[in-house]
Amino acid sequence: MNSPSIEDIARLVPGVRDAARVTVDGPDAARLVLFVAAGGSTNPDRVTRAVLAALRTAPPTVPRPDAVLVRAELPRGADGLPDLAALGVLARGAQSPAAAAERAAAAEEEPAGQPDAAGPEPVPTPLQRIVLGAWAQVLGLAQVGLDDNFHEIGGDSTTAIEIAFRLRGQFQDIDLTEILVMDTPREAAEVLAALGTRQDRPA
């Protein structure tokens, strides 16, 4: 009998709708990253812990991922299967030094105990502000949060393309597909940073 895959095991965890793995180059060695789709209302930390706990009970022949990334949905190709190329971009963005620098900058811009006047969310970085502005303008919203889910705040395939073109007007060498698979403004900013894009004109 064949051993289950890590995707099979992850799909057995309550709340997990689908799973897919990709291998990306890390600083010292290749990294195995497991993506799980768990819907927008599920606590990502809780899902991650549950998936890791399930994998600890798996047979030793089942590989253990170096990271588990939870998303509302997985990007899919024309065949309806998870788009592994798009997931690879997301995995590299999540682990890149540029993305880490973006997160560190966000933490530094907001002093401890001093939340932004608009709410408890940290003050966005300049790159995040560009992405937030594009989302808000295209979707016709007064304000968009860094972790707002695109589809839950009224986004669809048409507005996704509009946002991609708006951002492409401000950056060089952006592949539109890299933007279309983002669920949240935070993810979009991290992937833009990971791609090494350069701002073409002031925000």
Protein backbone atom coordinates (compact mmCIF):
# COMPACT_ATOMS: atom_id res chain seq x y z
CA MET A 1 0.00 0.00 0.00
CA ASN A 2 1.39 3.40 -0.97
CA SER A 3 2.13 5.96 1.73
CA PRO A 4 -0.14 9.00 1.75
CA SER A 5 1.27 12.25 0.43
CA ILE A 6 1.60 15.36 2.56
CA GLU A 7 -1.30 16.80 0.57
CA ASP A 8 -3.46 13.78 1.44
CA ILE A 9 -2.70 14.19 5.13
CA ALA A 10 -3.30 17.94 5.10
CA ARG A 11 -6.70 17.50 3.43
CA LEU A 12 -7.81 15.33 6.36
CA VAL A 13 -7.38 18.25 8.78
CA PRO A 14 -10.72 19.92 9.62
CA GLY A 15 -11.11 23.19 7.76
CA VAL A 16 -8.59 22.37 5.03
CA ARG A 17 -10.18 22.35 1.57
CA ASP A 18 -7.13 21.57 -0.54
CA ALA A 19 -3.34 21.37 -0.38
CA ALA A 20 -0.37 21.52 -2.73
CA ARG A 21 3.39 21.52 -2.29
CA VAL A 22 6.20 23.25 -4.13
CA THR A 23 9.97 23.11 -3.82
CA VAL A 24 11.87 26.39 -3.99
CA ASP A 25 15.52 27.33 -3.61
CA GLY A 26 16.44 28.51 -0.13
CA PRO A 27 19.56 30.34 1.14
CA ASP A 28 21.40 27.05 1.74
CA ALA A 29 19.24 24.30 0.28
CA ALA A 30 15.93 23.61 -1.43
CA ARG A 31 12.85 24.12 0.74
CA LEU A 32 9.62 22.15 0.64
CA VAL A 33 6.65 24.48 1.16
CA LEU A 34 3.13 23.15 1.72
CA PHE A 35 0.20 25.42 0.84
CA VAL A 36 -3.22 24.71 2.29
CA ALA A 37 -6.54 26.33 1.36
CA ALA A 38 -8.68 26.87 4.43
CA GLY A 39 -11.15 29.61 3.54
CA GLY A 40 -11.04 33.23 4.63
CA SER A 41 -12.68 32.81 8.06
CA THR A 42 -10.34 30.12 9.43
CA ASN A 43 -7.55 31.00 11.87
CA PRO A 44 -4.31 30.44 9.88
CA ASP A 45 -2.20 29.72 12.98
CA ARG A 46 -4.66 27.11 14.17
CA VAL A 47 -4.69 25.43 10.76
CA THR A 48 -0.89 25.43 10.58
CA ARG A 49 -0.60 23.80 14.00
CA ALA A 50 -3.21 21.18 13.10
CA VAL A 51 -1.49 20.31 9.82
CA LEU A 52 1.93 20.01 11.48
CA ALA A 53 0.45 17.84 14.23
CA ALA A 54 -1.13 15.56 11.62
CA LEU A 55 2.16 15.26 9.74
CA ARG A 56 3.98 14.28 12.93
CA THR A 57 1.87 11.12 13.03
CA ALA A 58 2.52 10.28 9.37
CA PRO A 59 4.80 7.42 8.29
CA PRO A 60 8.51 8.32 8.13
CA THR A 61 8.42 8.00 4.34
CA VAL A 62 6.19 11.09 4.13
CA PRO A 63 8.37 14.20 3.67
CA ARG A 64 8.02 17.00 6.22
CA PRO A 65 7.57 20.49 4.81
CA ASP A 66 9.94 23.28 5.81
CA ALA A 67 6.98 25.66 5.94
CA VAL A 68 3.18 25.56 5.87
CA LEU A 69 1.45 28.57 4.30
CA VAL A 70 -2.29 28.99 4.73
CA ARG A 71 -4.39 30.78 2.11
CA ALA A 72 -8.11 31.33 1.63
CA GLU A 73 -7.89 29.61 -1.76
CA LEU A 74 -5.14 28.17 -3.93
CA PRO A 75 -4.49 29.76 -7.35
CA ARG A 76 -5.54 27.39 -10.11
CA GLY A 77 -4.59 26.84 -13.71
CA ALA A 78 -6.84 26.35 -16.70
CA ASP A 79 -7.10 22.64 -15.83
CA GLY A 80 -8.59 23.45 -12.42
CA LEU A 81 -5.57 22.08 -10.55
CA PRO A 82 -3.40 24.14 -8.19
CA ASP A 83 -1.09 26.45 -10.16
CA LEU A 84 2.33 25.29 -8.93
CA ALA A 85 4.17 28.08 -10.75
CA ALA A 86 2.08 30.72 -8.98
CA LEU A 87 2.53 28.95 -5.65
CA GLY A 88 6.28 28.91 -6.25
CA VAL A 89 6.23 32.70 -6.59
CA LEU A 90 4.28 33.01 -3.34
CA ALA A 91 6.68 30.66 -1.55
CA ARG A 92 9.72 32.61 -2.68
CA GLY A 93 8.04 35.87 -1.69
CA ALA A 94 7.27 34.58 1.80
CA GLN A 95 10.89 33.60 2.46
CA SER A 96 12.79 36.30 0.57
CA PRO A 97 15.08 38.80 2.36
CA ALA A 98 13.20 41.64 0.66
CA ALA A 99 9.89 40.45 2.07
CA ALA A 100 11.44 40.09 5.51
CA ALA A 101 12.77 43.64 5.20
CA GLU A 102 9.27 44.86 4.35
CA ARG A 103 7.88 43.24 7.49
CA ALA A 104 10.72 44.62 9.61
CA ALA A 105 10.17 48.12 8.19
CA ALA A 106 6.49 47.93 9.08
CA ALA A 107 7.37 47.03 12.66
CA GLU A 108 9.91 49.86 12.92
CA GLU A 109 7.54 52.51 11.55
CA GLU A 110 5.02 51.94 14.34
CA PRO A 111 6.33 52.36 17.92
CA ALA A 112 5.31 49.64 20.36
CA GLY A 113 1.98 50.35 21.97
CA GLN A 114 1.13 53.08 19.41
CA PRO A 115 -1.30 51.62 16.87
CA ASP A 116 -2.25 53.52 13.74
CA ALA A 117 -5.18 55.88 14.23
CA ALA A 118 -7.22 53.89 11.72
CA GLY A 119 -7.03 50.74 13.86
CA PRO A 120 -4.67 48.21 15.46
CA GLU A 121 -3.00 47.30 12.15
CA PRO A 122 0.65 48.47 11.87
CA VAL A 123 1.37 51.50 9.71
CA PRO A 124 1.87 50.23 6.13
CA THR A 125 5.24 50.53 4.45
CA PRO A 126 5.55 52.71 1.31
CA LEU A 127 5.25 49.65 -0.93
CA GLN A 128 2.20 48.42 0.96
CA ARG A 129 0.60 51.86 0.66
CA ILE A 130 0.95 51.71 -3.14
CA VAL A 131 -0.78 48.32 -3.22
CA LEU A 132 -3.51 49.42 -0.79
CA GLY A 133 -4.17 52.51 -2.88
CA ALA A 134 -4.53 50.48 -6.07
CA TRP A 135 -6.96 48.05 -4.43
CA ALA A 136 -9.06 50.83 -2.88
CA GLN A 137 -9.27 52.85 -6.11
CA VAL A 138 -10.22 49.93 -8.34
CA LEU A 139 -12.68 48.40 -5.86
CA GLY A 140 -14.22 51.77 -5.01
CA LEU A 141 -13.53 51.47 -1.28
CA ALA A 142 -12.59 54.21 1.16
CA GLN A 143 -10.11 51.96 2.94
CA VAL A 144 -8.59 48.51 2.48
CA GLY A 145 -6.72 46.54 5.15
CA LEU A 146 -3.45 44.72 4.54
CA ASP A 147 -5.06 41.34 5.25
CA ASP A 148 -8.41 41.94 3.56
CA ASN A 149 -9.28 39.05 1.25
CA PHE A 150 -9.68 40.18 -2.36
CA HIS A 151 -12.79 38.15 -3.12
CA GLU A 152 -14.46 38.90 0.21
CA ILE A 153 -14.32 42.68 -0.38
CA GLY A 154 -15.86 42.52 -3.85
CA GLY A 155 -12.97 41.60 -6.13
CA ASP A 156 -13.38 39.51 -9.27
CA SER A 157 -11.35 38.59 -12.35
CA THR A 158 -12.05 41.93 -14.04
CA THR A 159 -10.98 44.07 -11.09
CA ALA A 160 -7.94 41.83 -10.56
CA ILE A 161 -6.75 42.69 -14.07
CA GLU A 162 -7.42 46.40 -13.46
CA ILE A 163 -5.33 46.30 -10.28
CA ALA A 164 -2.54 44.45 -12.05
CA PHE A 165 -2.38 47.05 -14.82
CA ARG A 166 -2.49 49.91 -12.32
CA LEU A 167 0.46 48.45 -10.41
CA ARG A 168 2.30 47.68 -13.62
CA GLY A 169 2.14 51.38 -14.41
CA GLN A 170 4.18 52.08 -11.27
CA PHE A 171 6.72 49.26 -11.48
CA GLN A 172 8.98 47.79 -14.10
CA ASP A 173 9.09 44.17 -15.23
CA ILE A 174 5.98 42.92 -13.45
CA ASP A 175 4.46 39.72 -14.80
CA LEU A 176 0.70 40.25 -14.49
CA THR A 177 0.21 36.67 -13.36
CA GLU A 178 2.28 37.36 -10.26
CA ILE A 179 -0.26 39.96 -9.11
CA LEU A 180 -3.42 38.10 -10.10
CA VAL A 181 -2.80 35.25 -7.65
CA MET A 182 -2.53 37.44 -4.55
CA ASP A 183 -5.27 37.08 -1.93
CA THR A 184 -4.35 40.13 0.18
CA PRO A 185 -2.51 43.45 -0.25
CA ARG A 186 0.15 42.21 2.18
CA GLU A 187 0.90 39.21 -0.05
CA ALA A 188 0.97 41.40 -3.15
CA ALA A 189 3.50 43.76 -1.54
CA GLU A 190 5.69 40.87 -0.39
CA VAL A 191 5.75 39.31 -3.84
CA LEU A 192 6.53 42.66 -5.46
CA ALA A 193 9.44 43.03 -3.06
CA ALA A 194 10.59 39.48 -3.75
CA LEU A 195 10.53 40.06 -7.50
CA GLY A 196 12.92 42.94 -6.99
CA THR A 197 10.65 45.40 -8.74
CA ARG A 198 11.62 49.07 -8.86
CA GLN A 199 9.22 51.93 -8.33
CA ASP A 200 9.00 53.87 -11.59
CA ARG A 201 7.56 57.09 -10.23
CA PRO A 202 6.75 58.56 -6.82
CA ALA A 203 3.64 57.27 -5.05
